[in-house]
Each structure stands twice: as structure tokens, then as C-alpha cells.
Amino acid sequence: MSIQLHVDQLHWLINNKTILNNISFDVIKGEVIGIIGPNGAGKTSLLRCITNQQQSAKAAKLSGSVHLKNKRISHYTAKELAQHFAHVTQKTEAIFSLTVIDIVKMGLLPHKGLFAIDDDHDKQQIKLALEKVGLSHTEKMDYNQLSGGEQQRVLIARALVQKAHILILDEPTNHLDVYYQHQILNLISQLNITVIMTVHDLNLASQYCQRLLLLEQGQLIADGKPAEVLTEAQLSKVFRLPCVVTQESLNHKPRVFF
């Protein structure tokens, strides 16, 4: 069992408001972890602290530590962090009119100089990444003309080219229809790398995540397998609604009904 990431007593205050409250957990290499909780629970804030992207306002106070491979996260350069973490946000629009292959090629930047020429190996990695996400036919298309699900797959292809060890996703299915929600999460779960993502839909989190972190008002309320976290007592308390949790007959995963 190899610990990739160690979060210890992470506490974040902004203008004397607690954003994260003494959160501690370890991330094991290869885990698919879902961070769940109501709006304002601290899910995105936790992702930002894990990747050293928290804001540096004078009114902000951060204590505790995050260690990546036994080295404090703040001791890595931005380029080094990009070699370890790949980010896929909720919805990304290219500022300029970039093609799909232009977006995917950005995954090479942490490993090369800005003006370095792509060699045959680089081109092969881009080709394989697009094949893996099923988008080989789109490489010359304008990224902004793709559907939401296709855009998310392009960003995952970029992450594959980046060869990051940990994939970070913030609500990757938030703007997608049911088909693309399952397509994206099924793809993510089969990448064979460590994944940490915030998930709004508890049933999607149950189906595709090996482990869940349940947050409430910046506190880590529960940490474990979906069946251990998605209990009626815990969810009713955190989401302030009565709920029923059953077990799916097909995959034996918990299913939540509010």
C-alpha cells in the first residue's frame, strides 16, 4: 500500500470564517476518491489546498500540511506540481479558437520548454490519448464547437499526455446529460491512476468511486467505502433531508433517495 498524498490537520480561515476545519486523510496510489457534501461544505476548497492553489489573500490563514510523496506540497515548483497533478474543471472554454489537438498538446508543457518542437514520441502520445477517450476523429476540430461531454474527454486526453500521477476533477459531470455523465465517470474509473474528484450526485459517487469523503461546513464527517459513508443517519443529518438508502441489485452499491 503506497501513500501518495498525506493531508494532516488542514485548517483554512478566510476573514475569520472557517473554510476547512482540521482535515486529515491519506490517499493511496490508484484510488478513485469522491468528495461529497452540500454546497459550501468545502469540497472545491479542499481540492485547491491539496494542489497548493489556495488564494494568498492577507485575510487568509492556512495551517496544517499536505505532503506529496513525503515532501511538503509548498516546496514543489509550479512545473513540478504539473508533473504530478492534472486538473479537469467543471467547464472550460478556450479563450482563443484552438483545435482539439492544440488543447491536448498542452499536456506536454510540464515536461518540455515552451518553444520545444514536438517529436515523434510526443505525437504518438497525443494520438494514443485521443484514441483512449474515443476522439481521434476530432483532432482538427475547434474545441469550442464540441459538446460538453466531448470537451471533458479532450481535457482528460490532455491529462493523459501530461502523464500526471493524480487526476483532480471538480464536478466533472455537472453540465452533462445522463449519457455523458456515465461515459465520463466510467472512463475516469478505468484510467488506472489516482483520481480525486468532487461529485454532486451521490448515486454517481457511489457507483464510480472506491472511497468517499463526506464534508459538512469544512469538517470531514466520514471517510470510507460508499456503503460506510452513504448511510441514512449521516446523509439525513448533513443534507438536512430524510432519506432512504437501498442496495442496487446489479452492482450492490448503495443508492440514495431523498
Protein backbone atom coordinates (compact mmCIF):
# COMPACT_ATOMS: atom_id res chain seq x y z
CA MET A 1 0.00 0.00 0.00
CA SER A 2 1.69 3.18 -1.25
CA ILE A 3 0.64 6.54 0.22
CA GLN A 4 0.81 9.23 -2.48
CA LEU A 5 -0.70 12.14 -0.59
CA HIS A 6 -0.85 12.86 3.15
CA VAL A 7 -3.17 15.59 4.44
CA ASP A 8 -2.62 16.45 8.11
CA GLN A 9 -4.77 18.80 10.22
CA LEU A 10 -5.55 21.09 7.29
CA HIS A 11 -7.24 24.24 8.61
CA TRP A 12 -8.14 27.23 6.41
CA LEU A 13 -9.61 30.53 7.59
CA ILE A 14 -10.63 33.47 5.38
CA ASN A 15 -11.75 36.68 7.12
CA ASN A 16 -12.11 34.62 10.31
CA LYS A 17 -14.53 32.24 8.57
CA THR A 18 -13.60 28.57 8.74
CA ILE A 19 -13.39 27.09 5.24
CA LEU A 20 -11.70 23.80 6.21
CA ASN A 21 -11.56 22.51 9.77
CA ASN A 22 -8.62 20.27 10.75
CA ILE A 23 -8.99 17.76 7.93
CA SER A 24 -6.69 14.72 7.84
CA PHE A 25 -6.56 11.75 5.45
CA ASP A 26 -4.19 9.75 3.26
CA VAL A 27 -4.54 8.99 -0.45
CA ILE A 28 -3.38 5.57 -1.61
CA LYS A 29 -1.93 5.20 -5.09
CA GLY A 30 -4.59 4.13 -7.59
CA GLU A 31 -7.63 5.07 -5.50
CA VAL A 32 -10.68 6.74 -7.03
CA ILE A 33 -11.89 9.13 -4.33
CA GLY A 34 -15.07 11.17 -4.41
CA ILE A 35 -15.52 14.26 -2.23
CA ILE A 36 -19.21 14.82 -1.44
CA GLY A 37 -21.27 17.20 0.65
CA PRO A 38 -23.73 20.09 0.35
CA ASN A 39 -22.92 23.41 -1.32
CA GLY A 40 -20.45 25.37 0.78
CA ALA A 41 -19.12 22.28 2.54
CA GLY A 42 -15.55 22.97 1.38
CA LYS A 43 -15.22 20.44 -1.44
CA THR A 44 -13.57 22.70 -4.03
CA SER A 45 -11.55 24.44 -1.31
CA LEU A 46 -10.11 21.08 -0.29
CA LEU A 47 -9.05 20.37 -3.88
CA ARG A 48 -7.37 23.78 -4.06
CA CYS A 49 -5.39 23.18 -0.88
CA ILE A 50 -4.36 19.69 -1.95
CA THR A 51 -2.82 21.13 -5.13
CA ASN A 52 -1.43 24.29 -3.48
CA GLN A 53 -3.87 26.53 -5.38
CA GLN A 54 -5.44 28.24 -2.36
CA GLN A 55 -5.70 32.01 -2.54
CA SER A 56 -2.98 34.01 -0.81
CA ALA A 57 -5.11 36.89 0.48
CA LYS A 58 -3.84 38.66 3.58
CA ALA A 59 -7.04 37.72 5.40
CA ALA A 60 -6.46 34.00 4.71
CA LYS A 61 -4.77 31.75 7.29
CA LEU A 62 -3.74 28.22 6.39
CA SER A 63 -2.32 25.70 8.85
CA GLY A 64 -1.63 22.01 8.77
CA SER A 65 0.18 20.35 5.91
CA VAL A 66 -0.16 18.48 2.63
CA HIS A 67 2.67 16.13 1.67
CA LEU A 68 3.08 14.67 -1.80
CA LYS A 69 5.43 11.68 -1.77
CA ASN A 70 6.78 12.70 1.66
CA LYS A 71 7.58 16.25 0.50
CA ARG A 72 5.57 19.28 1.59
CA ILE A 73 3.37 20.48 -1.27
CA SER A 74 4.55 24.09 -0.88
CA HIS A 75 8.13 23.00 -1.60
CA TYR A 76 7.30 21.98 -5.17
CA THR A 77 7.60 24.41 -8.07
CA ALA A 78 4.55 25.03 -10.26
CA LYS A 79 6.13 22.97 -13.05
CA GLU A 80 6.86 20.09 -10.67
CA LEU A 81 3.27 20.12 -9.42
CA ALA A 82 2.06 19.98 -13.03
CA GLN A 83 4.05 16.78 -13.44
CA HIS A 84 2.13 15.25 -10.53
CA PHE A 85 -1.36 16.77 -10.81
CA ALA A 86 -3.64 17.15 -13.82
CA HIS A 87 -6.82 19.24 -13.45
CA VAL A 88 -10.16 18.89 -15.19
CA THR A 89 -12.57 21.68 -14.23
CA GLN A 90 -16.37 21.81 -14.47
CA LYS A 91 -16.48 23.59 -17.81
CA THR A 92 -13.61 25.08 -19.78
CA GLU A 93 -13.90 27.36 -22.79
CA ALA A 94 -10.80 28.10 -24.81
CA ILE A 95 -10.05 31.81 -24.87
CA PHE A 96 -8.76 31.54 -28.43
CA SER A 97 -10.00 29.39 -31.28
CA LEU A 98 -7.93 26.30 -30.51
CA THR A 99 -8.29 22.89 -32.10
CA VAL A 100 -8.65 19.69 -30.11
CA ILE A 101 -5.05 18.72 -30.83
CA ASP A 102 -3.88 22.17 -29.62
CA ILE A 103 -5.60 21.58 -26.27
CA VAL A 104 -4.24 18.05 -25.87
CA LYS A 105 -0.70 19.17 -26.75
CA MET A 106 -0.77 21.47 -23.72
CA GLY A 107 -0.25 18.34 -21.65
CA LEU A 108 3.35 18.28 -22.88
CA LEU A 109 4.23 21.67 -21.34
CA PRO A 110 5.24 20.42 -17.85
CA HIS A 111 7.84 18.18 -19.49
CA LYS A 112 9.18 20.45 -22.23
CA GLY A 113 10.23 24.01 -22.92
CA LEU A 114 7.57 26.41 -24.18
CA PHE A 115 9.00 26.55 -27.71
CA ALA A 116 10.27 22.99 -27.94
CA ILE A 117 9.33 21.11 -31.10
CA ASP A 118 7.15 18.03 -30.73
CA ASP A 119 8.99 14.86 -31.70
CA ASP A 120 7.55 11.57 -32.98
CA HIS A 121 7.17 10.24 -29.42
CA ASP A 122 5.12 13.31 -28.43
CA LYS A 123 2.87 12.94 -31.46
CA GLN A 124 2.34 9.27 -30.67
CA GLN A 125 1.36 10.09 -27.07
CA ILE A 126 -1.20 12.62 -28.30
CA LYS A 127 -2.59 10.11 -30.79
CA LEU A 128 -2.88 7.37 -28.15
CA ALA A 129 -4.57 9.73 -25.67
CA LEU A 130 -7.21 10.77 -28.20
CA GLU A 131 -7.79 7.13 -29.10
CA LYS A 132 -8.24 6.25 -25.43
CA VAL A 133 -11.01 8.83 -24.99
CA GLY A 134 -12.58 7.97 -28.35
CA LEU A 135 -11.93 11.31 -30.05
CA SER A 136 -9.35 10.56 -32.77
CA HIS A 137 -11.76 11.90 -35.39
CA THR A 138 -11.96 15.34 -33.73
CA GLU A 139 -8.27 16.34 -33.58
CA LYS A 140 -8.62 19.14 -36.17
CA MET A 141 -11.99 20.37 -34.91
CA ASP A 142 -12.49 23.60 -32.95
CA TYR A 143 -12.61 22.76 -29.23
CA ASN A 144 -15.38 25.29 -28.57
CA GLN A 145 -17.66 23.57 -31.10
CA LEU A 146 -17.63 20.24 -29.25
CA SER A 147 -20.36 19.06 -26.90
CA GLY A 148 -19.81 19.31 -23.15
CA GLY A 149 -19.05 15.60 -22.88
CA GLU A 150 -16.57 15.75 -25.75
CA GLN A 151 -14.82 18.74 -24.19
CA GLN A 152 -14.43 16.86 -20.92
CA ARG A 153 -12.92 13.92 -22.79
CA VAL A 154 -10.47 16.25 -24.54
CA LEU A 155 -9.33 17.57 -21.16
CA ILE A 156 -8.89 14.01 -19.90
CA ALA A 157 -6.80 13.26 -23.01
CA ARG A 158 -4.67 16.31 -22.14
CA ALA A 159 -4.24 14.90 -18.63
CA LEU A 160 -3.10 11.56 -20.09
CA VAL A 161 -0.48 13.31 -22.23
CA GLN A 162 0.58 15.24 -19.14
CA LYS A 163 1.37 11.86 -17.52
CA ALA A 164 0.30 13.19 -14.13
CA HIS A 165 0.16 10.77 -11.23
CA ILE A 166 -3.04 12.23 -9.74
CA LEU A 167 -6.09 13.40 -11.67
CA ILE A 168 -8.06 16.20 -9.95
CA LEU A 169 -11.62 16.86 -11.12
CA ASP A 170 -14.07 19.45 -9.83
CA GLU A 171 -17.65 18.33 -10.59
CA PRO A 172 -16.67 16.73 -13.93
CA THR A 173 -20.28 15.81 -14.79
CA ASN A 174 -22.05 18.95 -13.56
CA HIS A 175 -23.09 20.25 -17.01
CA LEU A 176 -23.58 16.89 -18.74
CA ASP A 177 -26.63 14.81 -19.56
CA VAL A 178 -27.06 11.30 -18.15
CA TYR A 179 -25.30 9.54 -21.04
CA TYR A 180 -22.16 11.67 -20.82
CA GLN A 181 -22.16 11.57 -17.01
CA HIS A 182 -21.74 7.81 -17.07
CA GLN A 183 -19.43 7.86 -20.08
CA ILE A 184 -17.02 10.30 -18.41
CA LEU A 185 -17.04 8.63 -14.98
CA ASN A 186 -16.65 5.16 -16.47
CA LEU A 187 -13.66 6.41 -18.47
CA ILE A 188 -12.13 8.03 -15.37
CA SER A 189 -12.56 4.89 -13.28
CA GLN A 190 -10.62 2.83 -15.85
CA LEU A 191 -7.59 5.12 -16.24
CA ASN A 192 -5.53 3.20 -13.66
CA ILE A 193 -4.26 6.37 -11.94
CA THR A 194 -5.18 8.08 -8.68
CA VAL A 195 -8.33 10.18 -9.00
CA ILE A 196 -9.69 12.75 -6.55
CA MET A 197 -12.92 14.46 -7.60
CA THR A 198 -15.83 16.39 -6.19
CA VAL A 199 -19.15 14.81 -7.10
CA HIS A 200 -22.57 16.41 -6.71
CA ASP A 201 -24.66 13.32 -7.46
CA LEU A 202 -24.40 10.84 -4.57
CA ASN A 203 -25.52 7.89 -6.68
CA LEU A 204 -22.85 8.56 -9.30
CA ALA A 205 -20.31 8.85 -6.48
CA SER A 206 -21.50 5.53 -5.09
CA GLN A 207 -21.26 3.78 -8.45
CA TYR A 208 -17.86 5.01 -9.62
CA CYS A 209 -15.80 5.87 -6.53
CA GLN A 210 -13.94 3.34 -4.38
CA ARG A 211 -13.87 5.72 -1.43
CA LEU A 212 -15.85 8.78 -0.34
CA LEU A 213 -15.03 11.79 1.85
CA LEU A 214 -18.16 13.44 3.26
CA LEU A 215 -17.74 17.11 4.17
CA GLU A 216 -20.03 19.41 6.14
CA GLN A 217 -19.19 23.05 6.87
CA GLY A 218 -15.50 22.38 6.31
CA GLN A 219 -15.34 19.28 8.50
CA LEU A 220 -14.62 15.72 7.41
CA ILE A 221 -17.67 13.86 8.70
CA ALA A 222 -16.99 10.43 7.21
CA ASP A 223 -14.26 8.70 5.21
CA GLY A 224 -14.63 5.19 3.82
CA LYS A 225 -16.20 2.93 1.22
CA PRO A 226 -19.53 4.13 -0.26
CA ALA A 227 -21.51 1.70 1.90
CA GLU A 228 -19.82 3.08 5.02
CA VAL A 229 -20.35 6.75 4.17
CA LEU A 230 -23.73 6.74 2.45
CA THR A 231 -25.85 5.84 5.47
CA GLU A 232 -29.32 7.19 6.16
CA ALA A 233 -28.31 8.69 9.51
CA GLN A 234 -25.25 10.55 8.18
CA LEU A 235 -26.86 11.82 4.97
CA SER A 236 -30.07 12.96 6.67
CA LYS A 237 -28.01 14.95 9.17
CA VAL A 238 -25.60 16.51 6.66
CA PHE A 239 -28.13 17.31 3.90
CA ARG A 240 -30.96 18.10 6.35
CA LEU A 241 -33.44 15.92 4.49
CA PRO A 242 -34.86 12.49 5.34
CA CYS A 243 -33.50 9.83 3.03
CA VAL A 244 -33.64 6.13 2.27
CA VAL A 245 -30.56 4.12 1.24
CA THR A 246 -31.08 0.86 -0.64
CA GLN A 247 -28.69 -1.53 -2.40
CA GLU A 248 -28.56 -1.80 -6.18
CA SER A 249 -29.31 -5.34 -7.36
CA LEU A 250 -26.88 -5.09 -10.30
CA ASN A 251 -23.72 -3.66 -8.70
CA HIS A 252 -24.60 -4.00 -4.99
CA LYS A 253 -23.73 -0.32 -4.45
CA PRO A 254 -25.75 1.98 -2.15
CA ARG A 255 -28.48 4.04 -3.84
CA VAL A 256 -29.78 7.17 -2.13
CA PHE A 257 -33.34 8.54 -2.31
CA PHE A 258 -34.20 11.84 -0.62
